[in-house]
Amino acid sequence: MHRYLVKLLTISVFILMLFFPKLVFAGAKEGLLLWFNSALPTLLPFMILSNLLIKTHSADWVVRVTGPLFRHIFHISDYGSFAAVTGFLCGYPMGSKVTSDLLTEGKISLTEAQYLLSFCNNASPGFIISYVVLQNLKQEQLLVPSLVILTVSPILASFLFRPFYSPYKRKAKSPSAVSMLNNSTPAGGSLIDICIMNGFEMITKVGGYIMLFSILISLAKATNISNSLFTNLFLPSMELTSGIALLSNGTLSSSETFFMCMVCTSFGGWCALAQTKCMIAGTGLSIKPYIIQKLITAAVTSLLCLFYLHY
């Protein structure tokens, strides 16, 4: 049933693209510009550097500092703290990529990786401050509340998820065959060449997803559906950056806009989910519990927002 539904949706989108080429062009152009101007310069350097840190074991020095603190807060291993720091500071989908890389290199166990994935893949503080609050909400007084709510939410959610992943192995596993293959340097290449190519491969996939979801948003907007759930929930949840702009330019009140922007940012959008699925492909990590956990985290965010707006 699932396969038939996917086939039907794919054929339907293909037909729509044939009949509405202008909308497809506009959506693709907007998505590619968003990728080129935002995702590429923001994520690519961190993808290359994080991969290089892991493969050269330079991350050992980082986890000596972050390990003790995060080990007590989240009950994770020292190398798990590296994924947590990256996920909280670098934005979607860096948390999932670093978690996947650490698992592939044998630095963390599969159970710990699945636990890390449940809370360490989030919007970056830079995105929250510059894009969500200053550029769209345009209310500087919301800077601190937004940062606090979107940082505390995944932390609180991690306490809910922890019992499902405890106890897990804290010690690093022996490098797998995949890890040893990735560590091998091809003739005429170097380790930094491998990390650069890996970074470009991942960022290209991210760009592809952003473009596809931008096209879907362009086609969906052309339907002119006036339903509130469609305009204020479905469309904004498809792709985070476009969704925040749609909410900020919509008809909701300022408090309702703030509430929806916080919830959508916490969830990350379906495009970010697709990117995450791409990052963890072939590692044994499952996307299904991750989706449920992101929805739960968004629910925690909504409660914190209601508390802030009320008091």
Protein backbone atom coordinates (compact mmCIF):
# COMPACT_ATOMS: atom_id res chain seq x y z
CA MET A 1 0.00 0.00 0.00
CA HIS A 2 2.79 2.38 0.93
CA ARG A 3 4.63 1.76 -2.35
CA TYR A 4 1.48 2.36 -4.42
CA LEU A 5 0.83 5.62 -2.58
CA VAL A 6 4.39 6.83 -3.23
CA LYS A 7 4.08 5.91 -6.91
CA LEU A 8 0.74 7.71 -7.19
CA LEU A 9 2.06 10.87 -5.54
CA THR A 10 5.19 10.85 -7.70
CA ILE A 11 3.19 10.51 -10.92
CA SER A 12 0.77 13.24 -9.77
CA VAL A 13 3.59 15.69 -9.04
CA PHE A 14 5.21 14.87 -12.39
CA ILE A 15 1.96 15.64 -14.23
CA LEU A 16 1.53 18.91 -12.34
CA MET A 17 5.09 19.90 -13.24
CA LEU A 18 4.34 19.29 -16.92
CA PHE A 19 1.18 21.41 -16.85
CA PHE A 20 2.61 24.28 -14.74
CA PRO A 21 6.20 24.83 -15.95
CA LYS A 22 6.26 28.49 -14.85
CA LEU A 23 5.45 27.56 -11.26
CA VAL A 24 8.08 24.83 -11.35
CA PHE A 25 10.65 27.26 -12.70
CA ALA A 26 9.82 29.85 -10.03
CA GLY A 27 9.96 27.29 -7.24
CA ALA A 28 13.20 25.74 -8.48
CA LYS A 29 14.80 29.15 -8.86
CA GLU A 30 13.76 30.21 -5.36
CA GLY A 31 14.99 26.93 -3.87
CA LEU A 32 18.36 27.05 -5.62
CA LEU A 33 18.90 30.69 -4.62
CA LEU A 34 18.01 29.80 -1.03
CA TRP A 35 20.52 26.94 -1.14
CA PHE A 36 23.25 29.03 -2.78
CA ASN A 37 22.83 32.09 -0.55
CA SER A 38 22.13 30.38 2.78
CA ALA A 39 22.75 26.63 3.01
CA LEU A 40 25.92 26.42 0.92
CA PRO A 41 28.03 29.06 2.73
CA THR A 42 26.56 28.19 6.13
CA LEU A 43 26.74 24.38 6.11
CA LEU A 44 29.50 23.35 3.69
CA PRO A 45 32.47 24.64 5.76
CA PHE A 46 31.15 22.86 8.86
CA MET A 47 30.52 19.64 6.92
CA ILE A 48 34.09 19.58 5.65
CA LEU A 49 35.66 20.58 8.97
CA SER A 50 33.59 18.23 11.15
CA ASN A 51 34.44 15.31 8.88
CA LEU A 52 38.11 16.27 9.00
CA LEU A 53 38.03 16.54 12.81
CA ILE A 54 36.59 13.03 13.11
CA LYS A 55 38.84 11.34 10.54
CA THR A 56 42.06 12.94 11.90
CA HIS A 57 41.00 12.22 15.51
CA SER A 58 41.34 15.95 16.24
CA ALA A 59 37.87 15.74 17.77
CA ASP A 60 39.52 13.90 20.67
CA TRP A 61 40.72 17.28 21.96
CA VAL A 62 37.26 18.80 21.59
CA VAL A 63 35.46 16.03 23.49
CA ARG A 64 37.89 16.35 26.40
CA VAL A 65 36.29 19.74 27.03
CA THR A 66 32.69 19.04 26.08
CA GLY A 67 32.52 15.44 27.28
CA PRO A 68 32.33 15.93 31.07
CA LEU A 69 29.54 18.53 30.84
CA PHE A 70 27.34 16.80 28.27
CA ARG A 71 27.96 13.38 29.79
CA HIS A 72 26.23 14.49 32.99
CA ILE A 73 23.40 16.40 31.30
CA PHE A 74 22.44 13.92 28.57
CA HIS A 75 24.12 10.70 29.82
CA ILE A 76 26.05 10.31 26.58
CA SER A 77 29.63 9.37 25.77
CA ASP A 78 32.40 11.91 25.23
CA TYR A 79 32.20 11.54 21.45
CA GLY A 80 28.43 11.85 21.69
CA SER A 81 29.00 15.32 23.10
CA PHE A 82 30.65 16.32 19.82
CA ALA A 83 27.45 15.50 17.94
CA ALA A 84 25.39 17.38 20.53
CA VAL A 85 27.53 20.53 20.30
CA THR A 86 27.48 20.46 16.51
CA GLY A 87 23.75 19.83 16.37
CA PHE A 88 22.90 22.72 18.68
CA LEU A 89 25.29 25.24 17.14
CA CYS A 90 25.45 24.47 13.39
CA GLY A 91 21.80 23.87 12.49
CA TYR A 92 19.89 21.35 10.36
CA PRO A 93 21.02 18.78 9.26
CA MET A 94 24.51 18.96 10.83
CA GLY A 95 23.49 17.09 13.99
CA SER A 96 22.37 14.09 11.96
CA LYS A 97 25.43 14.19 9.70
CA VAL A 98 27.93 14.25 12.58
CA THR A 99 26.00 11.53 14.41
CA SER A 100 26.07 9.42 11.25
CA ASP A 101 29.82 10.06 10.77
CA LEU A 102 30.62 9.13 14.38
CA LEU A 103 28.61 5.91 14.06
CA THR A 104 30.29 5.03 10.75
CA GLU A 105 33.72 5.63 12.28
CA GLY A 106 32.89 3.39 15.24
CA LYS A 107 33.09 6.21 17.79
CA ILE A 108 29.59 5.63 19.20
CA SER A 109 27.16 2.71 19.30
CA LEU A 110 24.02 2.42 17.20
CA THR A 111 21.78 2.85 20.26
CA GLU A 112 23.55 6.00 21.37
CA ALA A 113 23.43 7.36 17.82
CA GLN A 114 19.66 6.87 17.69
CA TYR A 115 19.36 8.62 21.06
CA LEU A 116 21.55 11.51 19.90
CA LEU A 117 19.46 11.86 16.78
CA SER A 118 16.37 12.41 18.93
CA PHE A 119 17.55 15.76 20.33
CA CYS A 120 20.77 17.04 18.70
CA ASN A 121 19.49 18.04 15.25
CA ASN A 122 18.17 21.59 15.65
CA ALA A 123 18.08 25.08 14.17
CA SER A 124 21.27 27.06 14.81
CA PRO A 125 21.31 30.14 17.09
CA GLY A 126 22.45 32.22 14.11
CA PHE A 127 19.39 31.17 12.08
CA ILE A 128 17.06 31.85 15.01
CA ILE A 129 18.52 35.29 15.73
CA SER A 130 19.11 36.65 12.25
CA TYR A 131 16.40 35.02 10.16
CA VAL A 132 13.52 34.06 12.45
CA VAL A 133 13.53 36.96 14.92
CA LEU A 134 15.22 39.95 13.29
CA GLN A 135 14.37 39.41 9.62
CA ASN A 136 10.85 37.99 9.93
CA LEU A 137 9.35 38.55 13.38
CA LYS A 138 11.16 41.92 13.54
CA GLN A 139 10.94 42.16 17.33
CA GLU A 140 14.27 42.33 19.13
CA GLN A 141 12.61 41.69 22.50
CA LEU A 142 11.89 38.15 21.29
CA LEU A 143 15.59 37.28 20.85
CA VAL A 144 16.18 35.85 24.33
CA PRO A 145 12.80 34.08 24.67
CA SER A 146 13.20 32.48 21.23
CA LEU A 147 16.71 31.22 21.96
CA VAL A 148 15.71 29.92 25.40
CA ILE A 149 12.57 28.16 24.17
CA LEU A 150 14.24 26.52 21.15
CA THR A 151 17.27 25.43 23.20
CA VAL A 152 15.42 24.17 26.26
CA SER A 153 12.80 22.24 24.26
CA PRO A 154 15.13 19.53 22.85
CA ILE A 155 16.94 19.32 26.20
CA LEU A 156 13.66 18.63 28.03
CA ALA A 157 12.58 16.23 25.30
CA SER A 158 15.83 14.29 25.65
CA PHE A 159 14.82 13.41 29.22
CA LEU A 160 11.62 11.89 27.84
CA PHE A 161 13.48 9.88 25.19
CA ARG A 162 16.37 8.68 27.39
CA PRO A 163 14.56 5.72 29.07
CA PHE A 164 13.96 4.17 25.64
CA TYR A 165 17.71 4.09 24.93
CA SER A 166 19.09 3.15 28.34
CA PRO A 167 21.34 1.46 29.09
CA TYR A 168 23.50 1.80 25.98
CA LYS A 169 27.16 1.16 25.35
CA ARG A 170 29.31 4.21 26.01
CA LYS A 171 32.48 2.71 24.73
CA ALA A 172 33.33 3.15 21.08
CA LYS A 173 32.86 0.13 18.88
CA SER A 174 35.53 -1.27 16.67
CA PRO A 175 35.54 0.50 13.31
CA SER A 176 33.24 -1.24 10.87
CA ALA A 177 34.09 -2.31 7.38
CA VAL A 178 32.36 0.84 6.13
CA SER A 179 34.53 2.94 8.42
CA MET A 180 37.75 1.31 7.28
CA LEU A 181 36.69 1.78 3.69
CA ASN A 182 36.01 5.47 4.29
CA ASN A 183 39.37 5.87 6.01
CA SER A 184 41.28 4.47 3.07
CA THR A 185 42.87 7.12 0.91
CA PRO A 186 42.58 6.61 -2.84
CA ALA A 187 45.65 6.85 -5.03
CA GLY A 188 46.51 10.44 -5.85
CA GLY A 189 44.16 11.76 -3.16
CA SER A 190 44.44 12.97 0.41
CA LEU A 191 42.30 12.93 3.52
CA ILE A 192 41.25 16.54 3.03
CA ASP A 193 40.23 15.72 -0.56
CA ILE A 194 37.94 12.99 0.77
CA CYS A 195 36.41 15.36 3.33
CA ILE A 196 35.85 18.08 0.73
CA MET A 197 34.20 15.69 -1.70
CA ASN A 198 32.04 14.25 1.07
CA GLY A 199 30.99 17.77 2.07
CA PHE A 200 30.10 18.70 -1.52
CA GLU A 201 28.15 15.47 -1.99
CA MET A 202 26.09 16.08 1.13
CA ILE A 203 25.46 19.79 0.45
CA THR A 204 24.40 18.97 -3.11
CA LYS A 205 21.83 16.53 -1.77
CA VAL A 206 20.62 19.20 0.66
CA GLY A 207 20.25 21.58 -2.28
CA GLY A 208 18.25 19.02 -4.22
CA TYR A 209 15.78 18.59 -1.37
CA ILE A 210 15.42 22.35 -0.88
CA MET A 211 14.72 22.78 -4.60
CA LEU A 212 12.14 19.96 -4.69
CA PHE A 213 10.27 21.22 -1.65
CA SER A 214 10.34 24.78 -2.98
CA ILE A 215 8.68 23.50 -6.16
CA LEU A 216 6.03 21.71 -4.10
CA ILE A 217 5.38 24.90 -2.12
CA SER A 218 5.08 26.89 -5.36
CA LEU A 219 2.55 24.39 -6.75
CA ALA A 220 0.61 24.25 -3.46
CA LYS A 221 0.38 28.05 -3.18
CA ALA A 222 -1.09 28.20 -6.69
CA THR A 223 -4.15 26.26 -5.49
CA ASN A 224 -5.26 29.38 -3.54
CA ILE A 225 -6.72 27.24 -0.79
CA SER A 226 -7.86 29.56 1.99
CA ASN A 227 -8.12 26.94 4.72
CA SER A 228 -6.31 28.08 7.88
CA LEU A 229 -4.67 24.70 8.52
CA PHE A 230 -3.38 24.65 4.95
CA THR A 231 -1.93 28.17 4.97
CA ASN A 232 -0.70 28.31 8.57
CA LEU A 233 0.39 24.71 9.20
CA PHE A 234 0.75 22.56 6.09
CA LEU A 235 2.61 25.03 3.85
CA PRO A 236 4.95 26.42 6.57
CA SER A 237 5.85 22.90 7.73
CA MET A 238 7.11 21.85 4.29
CA GLU A 239 10.35 23.89 4.25
CA LEU A 240 11.51 25.86 7.29
CA THR A 241 12.99 28.98 5.70
CA SER A 242 10.07 29.52 3.31
CA GLY A 243 7.62 28.55 6.05
CA ILE A 244 8.86 31.21 8.47
CA ALA A 245 8.48 33.85 5.74
CA LEU A 246 4.95 32.64 4.93
CA LEU A 247 3.91 32.84 8.58
CA SER A 248 5.44 36.28 9.09
CA ASN A 249 3.65 37.67 6.03
CA GLY A 250 0.36 35.97 6.87
CA THR A 251 -2.79 37.10 8.62
CA LEU A 252 -2.05 35.74 12.10
CA SER A 253 -1.67 38.04 15.09
CA SER A 254 1.84 38.78 16.40
CA SER A 255 1.52 36.29 19.29
CA GLU A 256 0.09 33.59 16.99
CA THR A 257 2.88 34.20 14.47
CA PHE A 258 5.51 33.90 17.20
CA PHE A 259 3.90 30.68 18.44
CA MET A 260 3.77 29.08 14.98
CA CYS A 261 7.30 30.20 14.07
CA MET A 262 8.69 28.62 17.24
CA VAL A 263 6.82 25.35 16.67
CA CYS A 264 7.87 25.14 13.00
CA THR A 265 11.50 25.94 13.85
CA SER A 266 11.52 23.28 16.56
CA PHE A 267 10.07 20.68 14.18
CA GLY A 268 12.37 21.72 11.33
CA GLY A 269 9.97 21.02 8.48
CA TRP A 270 9.52 18.03 6.19
CA CYS A 271 12.39 19.16 4.00
CA ALA A 272 14.77 18.94 6.99
CA LEU A 273 13.37 15.48 7.74
CA ALA A 274 14.13 14.40 4.18
CA GLN A 275 17.66 15.82 4.51
CA THR A 276 18.13 13.95 7.79
CA LYS A 277 16.99 10.70 6.20
CA CYS A 278 19.57 11.30 3.48
CA MET A 279 22.34 11.88 6.05
CA ILE A 280 21.67 8.66 7.99
CA ALA A 281 21.16 6.42 4.94
CA GLY A 282 23.08 3.15 5.18
CA THR A 283 23.98 3.54 8.86
CA GLY A 284 21.24 1.43 10.42
CA LEU A 285 19.59 4.48 12.01
CA SER A 286 15.81 4.70 11.62
CA ILE A 287 13.96 7.83 10.52
CA LYS A 288 10.57 6.77 11.97
CA PRO A 289 11.38 7.32 15.67
CA TYR A 290 13.14 10.56 14.70
CA ILE A 291 9.93 11.92 13.13
CA ILE A 292 7.92 11.04 16.24
CA GLN A 293 10.56 12.60 18.48
CA LYS A 294 10.63 15.85 16.48
CA LEU A 295 6.83 16.07 16.76
CA ILE A 296 7.10 15.54 20.52
CA THR A 297 9.81 18.21 20.72
CA ALA A 298 7.55 20.59 18.79
CA ALA A 299 4.78 19.84 21.32
CA VAL A 300 7.17 20.69 24.19
CA THR A 301 8.03 23.92 22.37
CA SER A 302 4.35 24.79 22.06
CA LEU A 303 3.87 24.36 25.82
CA LEU A 304 6.85 26.59 26.59
CA CYS A 305 5.53 29.20 24.13
CA LEU A 306 2.10 29.16 25.75
CA PHE A 307 3.70 29.56 29.17
CA TYR A 308 5.78 32.53 27.93
CA LEU A 309 2.84 34.22 26.17
CA HIS A 310 0.57 33.76 29.18
CA TYR A 311 2.95 34.93 31.88
